[in-house]
């Protein structure tokens, strides 16, 4: 079950980015001036990238910052959760 959740956390937002970009490329062009930031977001912070595309065309104000921070925390949790969950497999892990 843990592998399924990890796979969804890593592949889910990336698949959503790809599908959304194919369906609405104008929105992505309006959000980002260059292709570098969406590619980096796809690779490193997919939930934050999705949240930014949701809020950026209208401007990031008020509660939008809360959504961006929450998405960033989800990205961090998806990276940290794998290391914490597999700590028993590492023989040199200090307990």
Protein backbone atom coordinates (compact mmCIF):
# COMPACT_ATOMS: atom_id res chain seq x y z
CA UNK A 1 0.00 0.00 0.00
CA UNK A 2 2.86 2.37 0.79
CA UNK A 3 4.29 1.99 -2.72
CA UNK A 4 0.91 2.84 -4.23
CA UNK A 5 0.61 6.04 -2.20
CA UNK A 6 4.19 7.02 -3.03
CA UNK A 7 3.58 6.36 -6.73
CA UNK A 8 0.45 8.51 -6.71
CA UNK A 9 2.25 11.32 -4.90
CA UNK A 10 5.06 11.29 -7.45
CA UNK A 11 3.16 10.53 -10.66
CA UNK A 12 -0.27 12.01 -9.95
CA UNK A 13 0.56 15.71 -10.12
CA UNK A 14 3.01 15.20 -12.97
CA UNK A 15 0.37 13.44 -15.03
CA UNK A 16 -2.07 16.25 -14.19
CA UNK A 17 0.46 18.85 -15.34
CA UNK A 18 0.97 17.06 -18.62
CA UNK A 19 -2.76 16.60 -19.33
CA UNK A 20 -3.64 20.15 -18.28
CA UNK A 21 -0.87 21.59 -20.43
CA UNK A 22 -2.14 19.61 -23.43
CA UNK A 23 -5.74 20.74 -22.84
CA UNK A 24 -5.10 24.40 -21.96
CA UNK A 25 -1.72 25.57 -23.29
CA UNK A 26 -2.91 29.20 -23.33
CA UNK A 27 -3.38 29.20 -19.55
CA UNK A 28 0.15 27.88 -19.09
CA UNK A 29 1.51 30.51 -21.47
CA UNK A 30 -0.31 33.20 -19.52
CA UNK A 31 1.12 31.90 -16.25
CA UNK A 32 4.74 31.40 -17.29
CA UNK A 33 6.79 33.58 -19.64
CA UNK A 34 9.40 30.91 -20.30
CA UNK A 35 9.40 27.12 -20.40
CA UNK A 36 12.11 26.77 -17.74
CA UNK A 37 9.85 27.32 -14.69
CA UNK A 38 7.16 24.80 -15.69
CA UNK A 39 9.81 22.19 -16.46
CA UNK A 40 11.53 22.74 -13.11
CA UNK A 41 8.13 22.67 -11.41
CA UNK A 42 7.29 19.41 -13.19
CA UNK A 43 10.52 17.83 -11.95
CA UNK A 44 10.88 19.28 -8.45
CA UNK A 45 7.63 20.79 -7.11
CA UNK A 46 4.65 19.46 -9.06
CA UNK A 47 1.93 20.25 -6.49
CA UNK A 48 3.20 23.81 -6.12
CA UNK A 49 3.30 24.22 -9.89
CA UNK A 50 -0.31 23.05 -10.20
CA UNK A 51 -1.42 25.40 -7.43
CA UNK A 52 0.44 28.30 -9.02
CA UNK A 53 -1.23 27.70 -12.39
CA UNK A 54 -4.60 27.74 -10.63
CA UNK A 55 -4.04 31.09 -8.90
CA UNK A 56 -1.48 33.02 -10.98
CA UNK A 57 -3.53 34.23 -13.97
CA UNK A 58 -5.79 36.23 -11.65
CA UNK A 59 -2.91 37.37 -9.47
CA UNK A 60 -1.64 35.84 -6.24
CA UNK A 61 -3.46 37.64 -3.44
CA UNK A 62 -4.87 36.85 -0.01
CA UNK A 63 -5.85 33.21 0.43
CA UNK A 64 -3.96 32.21 -2.69
CA UNK A 65 -0.78 32.29 -0.64
CA UNK A 66 -2.30 29.73 1.73
CA UNK A 67 -2.95 27.40 -1.21
CA UNK A 68 0.62 27.82 -2.47
CA UNK A 69 2.12 27.16 0.97
CA UNK A 70 -0.07 24.08 1.41
CA UNK A 71 1.00 22.74 -2.01
CA UNK A 72 4.65 23.39 -1.13
CA UNK A 73 4.25 21.49 2.14
CA UNK A 74 2.67 18.58 0.26
CA UNK A 75 5.68 18.53 -2.09
CA UNK A 76 8.06 18.49 0.87
CA UNK A 77 6.06 15.76 2.58
CA UNK A 78 6.14 13.58 -0.52
CA UNK A 79 9.94 13.74 -0.54
CA UNK A 80 10.46 13.41 3.21
CA UNK A 81 7.88 10.66 3.67
CA UNK A 82 9.82 8.15 1.60
CA UNK A 83 12.97 8.61 3.62
CA UNK A 84 11.16 8.40 6.93
CA UNK A 85 9.10 5.38 5.88
CA UNK A 86 12.17 3.42 4.74
CA UNK A 87 14.43 4.19 7.69
CA UNK A 88 14.39 0.54 8.84
CA UNK A 89 15.94 -0.57 5.54
CA UNK A 90 19.05 1.55 6.02
CA UNK A 91 21.53 -0.36 8.19
CA UNK A 92 23.53 2.71 9.23
CA UNK A 93 20.49 4.67 10.40
CA UNK A 94 21.04 5.77 14.00
CA UNK A 95 18.08 4.94 16.21
